[in-house]
Amino acid sequence: MTLFSHPDLTRAEPVAPPRHSARALTQGGTQAQIELDGKIYDLRITRAGKLILTK
């Protein structure tokens, strides 16, 4: 009889989502365009340092 070891997937550590710098996306400016499924979104950094994403 052969025993197989299966990993316990219920105890897997959560994987952190990718992190991207807004400053890098805007290349040092205040605006960038992001495309998702053929649609363009505008990302803007406000003077207060907040992010606004609009379609």
PDB file of N, CA and C in Angstrom:
ATOM      1  N   MET A   1       0.850  -1.175   0.000  1.00  0.00           N
ATOM      2  CA  MET A   1       0.000   0.000   0.000  1.00  0.00           C
ATOM      3  C   MET A   1       0.899   1.242   0.000  1.00  0.00           C
ATOM      4  N   THR A   2       0.582   2.183  -0.887  1.00  0.00           N
ATOM      5  CA  THR A   2       1.364   3.407  -0.999  1.00  0.00           C
ATOM      6  C   THR A   2       0.575   4.569  -0.416  1.00  0.00           C
ATOM      7  N   LEU A   3       1.218   5.342   0.418  1.00  0.00           N
ATOM      8  CA  LEU A   3       0.576   6.526   1.000  1.00  0.00           C
ATOM      9  C   LEU A   3       1.081   7.762   0.269  1.00  0.00           C
ATOM     10  N   PHE A   4       0.166   8.633  -0.079  1.00  0.00           N
ATOM     11  CA  PHE A   4       0.516   9.878  -0.759  1.00  0.00           C
ATOM     12  C   PHE A   4       0.337  11.031   0.210  1.00  0.00           C
ATOM     13  N   SER A   5       1.261  11.937   0.186  1.00  0.00           N
ATOM     14  CA  SER A   5       1.172  13.119   1.035  1.00  0.00           C
ATOM     15  C   SER A   5       0.556  14.257   0.229  1.00  0.00           C
ATOM     16  N   HIS A   6      -0.500  14.828   0.749  1.00  0.00           N
ATOM     17  CA  HIS A   6      -1.163  15.958   0.098  1.00  0.00           C
ATOM     18  C   HIS A   6      -0.971  17.199   0.961  1.00  0.00           C
ATOM     19  N   PRO A   7      -0.610  18.313   0.358  1.00  0.00           N
ATOM     20  CA  PRO A   7      -0.455  19.539   1.166  1.00  0.00           C
ATOM     21  C   PRO A   7      -1.795  19.968   1.748  1.00  0.00           C
ATOM     22  N   ASP A   8      -1.751  20.508   2.949  1.00  0.00           N
ATOM     23  CA  ASP A   8      -2.960  21.007   3.606  1.00  0.00           C
ATOM     24  C   ASP A   8      -3.239  22.412   3.091  1.00  0.00           C
ATOM     25  N   LEU A   9      -4.116  22.531   2.105  1.00  0.00           N
ATOM     26  CA  LEU A   9      -4.403  23.825   1.483  1.00  0.00           C
ATOM     27  C   LEU A   9      -5.200  24.750   2.388  1.00  0.00           C
ATOM     28  N   THR A  10      -5.814  24.227   3.428  1.00  0.00           N
ATOM     29  CA  THR A  10      -6.604  25.077   4.325  1.00  0.00           C
ATOM     30  C   THR A  10      -5.708  25.926   5.217  1.00  0.00           C
ATOM     31  N   ARG A  11      -4.443  25.579   5.331  1.00  0.00           N
ATOM     32  CA  ARG A  11      -3.531  26.325   6.195  1.00  0.00           C
ATOM     33  C   ARG A  11      -2.521  27.149   5.407  1.00  0.00           C
ATOM     34  N   ALA A  12      -2.744  27.298   4.133  1.00  0.00           N
ATOM     35  CA  ALA A  12      -1.804  28.055   3.299  1.00  0.00           C
ATOM     36  C   ALA A  12      -1.793  29.525   3.716  1.00  0.00           C
ATOM     37  N   GLU A  13      -0.611  30.104   3.701  1.00  0.00           N
ATOM     38  CA  GLU A  13      -0.470  31.523   4.027  1.00  0.00           C
ATOM     39  C   GLU A  13      -1.075  32.363   2.905  1.00  0.00           C
ATOM     40  N   PRO A  14      -1.777  33.435   3.250  1.00  0.00           N
ATOM     41  CA  PRO A  14      -2.334  34.297   2.204  1.00  0.00           C
ATOM     42  C   PRO A  14      -1.213  34.955   1.396  1.00  0.00           C
ATOM     43  N   VAL A  15      -1.452  35.085   0.117  1.00  0.00           N
ATOM     44  CA  VAL A  15      -0.469  35.704  -0.768  1.00  0.00           C
ATOM     45  C   VAL A  15      -0.809  37.183  -0.899  1.00  0.00           C
ATOM     46  N   ALA A  16       0.176  38.023  -0.691  1.00  0.00           N
ATOM     47  CA  ALA A  16      -0.047  39.470  -0.789  1.00  0.00           C
ATOM     48  C   ALA A  16      -0.268  39.855  -2.252  1.00  0.00           C
ATOM     49  N   PRO A  17      -1.209  40.760  -2.514  1.00  0.00           N
ATOM     50  CA  PRO A  17      -1.425  41.209  -3.892  1.00  0.00           C
ATOM     51  C   PRO A  17      -0.236  42.035  -4.371  1.00  0.00           C
ATOM     52  N   PRO A  18      -0.047  42.130  -5.682  1.00  0.00           N
ATOM     53  CA  PRO A  18       1.062  42.946  -6.192  1.00  0.00           C
ATOM     54  C   PRO A  18       0.917  44.400  -5.738  1.00  0.00           C
ATOM     55  N   ARG A  19       2.038  45.042  -5.461  1.00  0.00           N
ATOM     56  CA  ARG A  19       2.028  46.449  -5.046  1.00  0.00           C
ATOM     57  C   ARG A  19       2.756  47.272  -6.100  1.00  0.00           C
ATOM     58  N   HIS A  20       2.130  48.381  -6.503  1.00  0.00           N
ATOM     59  CA  HIS A  20       2.718  49.271  -7.500  1.00  0.00           C
ATOM     60  C   HIS A  20       2.732  50.686  -6.943  1.00  0.00           C
ATOM     61  N   SER A  21       3.805  51.390  -7.161  1.00  0.00           N
ATOM     62  CA  SER A  21       3.921  52.768  -6.707  1.00  0.00           C
ATOM     63  C   SER A  21       3.118  53.683  -7.630  1.00  0.00           C
ATOM     64  N   ALA A  22       2.229  54.483  -7.054  1.00  0.00           N
ATOM     65  CA  ALA A  22       1.464  55.446  -7.852  1.00  0.00           C
ATOM     66  C   ALA A  22       2.409  56.462  -8.483  1.00  0.00           C
ATOM     67  N   ARG A  23       3.487  56.800  -7.786  1.00  0.00           N
ATOM     68  CA  ARG A  23       4.471  57.745  -8.338  1.00  0.00           C
ATOM     69  C   ARG A  23       5.155  57.139  -9.566  1.00  0.00           C
ATOM     70  N   ALA A  24       5.410  55.845  -9.531  1.00  0.00           N
ATOM     71  CA  ALA A  24       6.019  55.187 -10.690  1.00  0.00           C
ATOM     72  C   ALA A  24       5.021  55.108 -11.842  1.00  0.00           C
ATOM     73  N   LEU A  25       3.753  54.818 -11.531  1.00  0.00           N
ATOM     74  CA  LEU A  25       2.737  54.748 -12.581  1.00  0.00           C
ATOM     75  C   LEU A  25       2.559  56.089 -13.280  1.00  0.00           C
ATOM     76  N   THR A  26       2.673  57.175 -12.526  1.00  0.00           N
ATOM     77  CA  THR A  26       2.510  58.509 -13.112  1.00  0.00           C
ATOM     78  C   THR A  26       3.843  59.081 -13.589  1.00  0.00           C
ATOM     79  N   GLN A  27       4.907  58.313 -13.465  1.00  0.00           N
ATOM     80  CA  GLN A  27       6.259  58.716 -13.872  1.00  0.00           C
ATOM     81  C   GLN A  27       6.640  60.072 -13.286  1.00  0.00           C
ATOM     82  N   GLY A  28       6.333  60.254 -12.003  1.00  0.00           N
ATOM     83  CA  GLY A  28       6.683  61.483 -11.307  1.00  0.00           C
ATOM     84  C   GLY A  28       5.680  62.606 -11.480  1.00  0.00           C
ATOM     85  N   GLY A  29       4.688  62.404 -12.324  1.00  0.00           N
ATOM     86  CA  GLY A  29       3.655  63.420 -12.545  1.00  0.00           C
ATOM     87  C   GLY A  29       2.467  63.186 -11.625  1.00  0.00           C
ATOM     88  N   THR A  30       1.309  63.628 -12.070  1.00  0.00           N
ATOM     89  CA  THR A  30       0.109  63.471 -11.248  1.00  0.00           C
ATOM     90  C   THR A  30      -0.981  62.655 -11.933  1.00  0.00           C
ATOM     91  N   GLN A  31      -0.757  62.226 -13.186  1.00  0.00           N
ATOM     92  CA  GLN A  31      -1.800  61.495 -13.899  1.00  0.00           C
ATOM     93  C   GLN A  31      -1.219  60.308 -14.656  1.00  0.00           C
ATOM     94  N   ALA A  32      -2.049  59.268 -14.780  1.00  0.00           N
ATOM     95  CA  ALA A  32      -1.696  58.101 -15.589  1.00  0.00           C
ATOM     96  C   ALA A  32      -2.986  57.496 -16.109  1.00  0.00           C
ATOM     97  N   GLN A  33      -2.875  56.754 -17.186  1.00  0.00           N
ATOM     98  CA  GLN A  33      -4.022  56.024 -17.708  1.00  0.00           C
ATOM     99  C   GLN A  33      -3.777  54.541 -17.491  1.00  0.00           C
ATOM    100  N   ILE A  34      -4.832  53.851 -17.074  1.00  0.00           N
ATOM    101  CA  ILE A  34      -4.771  52.415 -16.820  1.00  0.00           C
ATOM    102  C   ILE A  34      -5.801  51.745 -17.709  1.00  0.00           C
ATOM    103  N   GLU A  35      -5.387  50.704 -18.422  1.00  0.00           N
ATOM    104  CA  GLU A  35      -6.303  49.989 -19.309  1.00  0.00           C
ATOM    105  C   GLU A  35      -6.705  48.669 -18.666  1.00  0.00           C
ATOM    106  N   LEU A  36      -7.997  48.369 -18.716  1.00  0.00           N
ATOM    107  CA  LEU A  36      -8.528  47.099 -18.229  1.00  0.00           C
ATOM    108  C   LEU A  36      -9.580  46.617 -19.206  1.00  0.00           C
ATOM    109  N   ASP A  37      -9.328  45.493 -19.842  1.00  0.00           N
ATOM    110  CA  ASP A  37     -10.278  44.889 -20.784  1.00  0.00           C
ATOM    111  C   ASP A  37     -10.722  45.875 -21.860  1.00  0.00           C
ATOM    112  N   GLY A  38      -9.784  46.647 -22.381  1.00  0.00           N
ATOM    113  CA  GLY A  38     -10.085  47.578 -23.462  1.00  0.00           C
ATOM    114  C   GLY A  38     -10.679  48.899 -23.015  1.00  0.00           C
ATOM    115  N   LYS A  39     -10.892  49.075 -21.721  1.00  0.00           N
ATOM    116  CA  LYS A  39     -11.430  50.335 -21.194  1.00  0.00           C
ATOM    117  C   LYS A  39     -10.298  51.106 -20.533  1.00  0.00           C
ATOM    118  N   ILE A  40     -10.319  52.426 -20.712  1.00  0.00           N
ATOM    119  CA  ILE A  40      -9.272  53.294 -20.173  1.00  0.00           C
ATOM    120  C   ILE A  40      -9.790  54.006 -18.924  1.00  0.00           C
ATOM    121  N   TYR A  41      -8.985  53.974 -17.878  1.00  0.00           N
ATOM    122  CA  TYR A  41      -9.296  54.656 -16.627  1.00  0.00           C
ATOM    123  C   TYR A  41      -8.205  55.682 -16.362  1.00  0.00           C
ATOM    124  N   ASP A  42      -8.581  56.807 -15.763  1.00  0.00           N
ATOM    125  CA  ASP A  42      -7.626  57.856 -15.416  1.00  0.00           C
ATOM    126  C   ASP A  42      -7.317  57.789 -13.925  1.00  0.00           C
ATOM    127  N   LEU A  43      -6.045  57.749 -13.604  1.00  0.00           N
ATOM    128  CA  LEU A  43      -5.577  57.784 -12.228  1.00  0.00           C
ATOM    129  C   LEU A  43      -4.964  59.151 -11.995  1.00  0.00           C
ATOM    130  N   ARG A  44      -5.371  59.796 -10.912  1.00  0.00           N
ATOM    131  CA  ARG A  44      -4.862  61.138 -10.624  1.00  0.00           C
ATOM    132  C   ARG A  44      -4.455  61.218  -9.166  1.00  0.00           C
ATOM    133  N   ILE A  45      -3.318  61.856  -8.916  1.00  0.00           N
ATOM    134  CA  ILE A  45      -2.872  62.134  -7.555  1.00  0.00           C
ATOM    135  C   ILE A  45      -3.247  63.578  -7.253  1.00  0.00           C
ATOM    136  N   THR A  46      -4.019  63.794  -6.205  1.00  0.00           N
ATOM    137  CA  THR A  46      -4.466  65.141  -5.859  1.00  0.00           C
ATOM    138  C   THR A  46      -3.361  65.895  -5.112  1.00  0.00           C
ATOM    139  N   ARG A  47      -3.562  67.193  -4.941  1.00  0.00           N
ATOM    140  CA  ARG A  47      -2.603  68.005  -4.179  1.00  0.00           C
ATOM    141  C   ARG A  47      -2.518  67.542  -2.733  1.00  0.00           C
ATOM    142  N   ALA A  48      -3.604  66.940  -2.240  1.00  0.00           N
ATOM    143  CA  ALA A  48      -3.616  66.433  -0.865  1.00  0.00           C
ATOM    144  C   ALA A  48      -2.963  65.051  -0.758  1.00  0.00           C
ATOM    145  N   GLY A  49      -2.483  64.509  -1.894  1.00  0.00           N
ATOM    146  CA  GLY A  49      -1.813  63.216  -1.872  1.00  0.00           C
ATOM    147  C   GLY A  49      -2.746  62.026  -1.903  1.00  0.00           C
ATOM    148  N   LYS A  50      -3.974  62.237  -2.328  1.00  0.00           N
ATOM    149  CA  LYS A  50      -4.945  61.145  -2.426  1.00  0.00           C
ATOM    150  C   LYS A  50      -5.058  60.700  -3.877  1.00  0.00           C
ATOM    151  N   LEU A  51      -5.573  59.491  -4.072  1.00  0.00           N
ATOM    152  CA  LEU A  51      -5.739  58.948  -5.419  1.00  0.00           C
ATOM    153  C   LEU A  51      -7.192  58.998  -5.849  1.00  0.00           C
ATOM    154  N   ILE A  52      -7.408  59.355  -7.105  1.00  0.00           N
ATOM    155  CA  ILE A  52      -8.738  59.335  -7.709  1.00  0.00           C
ATOM    156  C   ILE A  52      -8.636  58.501  -8.976  1.00  0.00           C
ATOM    157  N   LEU A  53      -9.520  57.511  -9.112  1.00  0.00           N
ATOM    158  CA  LEU A  53      -9.576  56.671 -10.304  1.00  0.00           C
ATOM    159  C   LEU A  53     -10.935  56.877 -10.950  1.00  0.00           C
ATOM    160  N   THR A  54     -10.941  57.355 -12.195  1.00  0.00           N
ATOM    161  CA  THR A  54     -12.200  57.611 -12.901  1.00  0.00           C
ATOM    162  C   THR A  54     -12.186  56.902 -14.241  1.00  0.00           C
ATOM    163  N   LYS A  55     -13.383  56.652 -14.741  1.00  0.00           N
ATOM    164  CA  LYS A  55     -13.542  55.989 -16.033  1.00  0.00           C
ATOM    165  C   LYS A  55     -13.692  57.007 -17.121  1.00  0.00           C
TER     166      LYS A  55
END
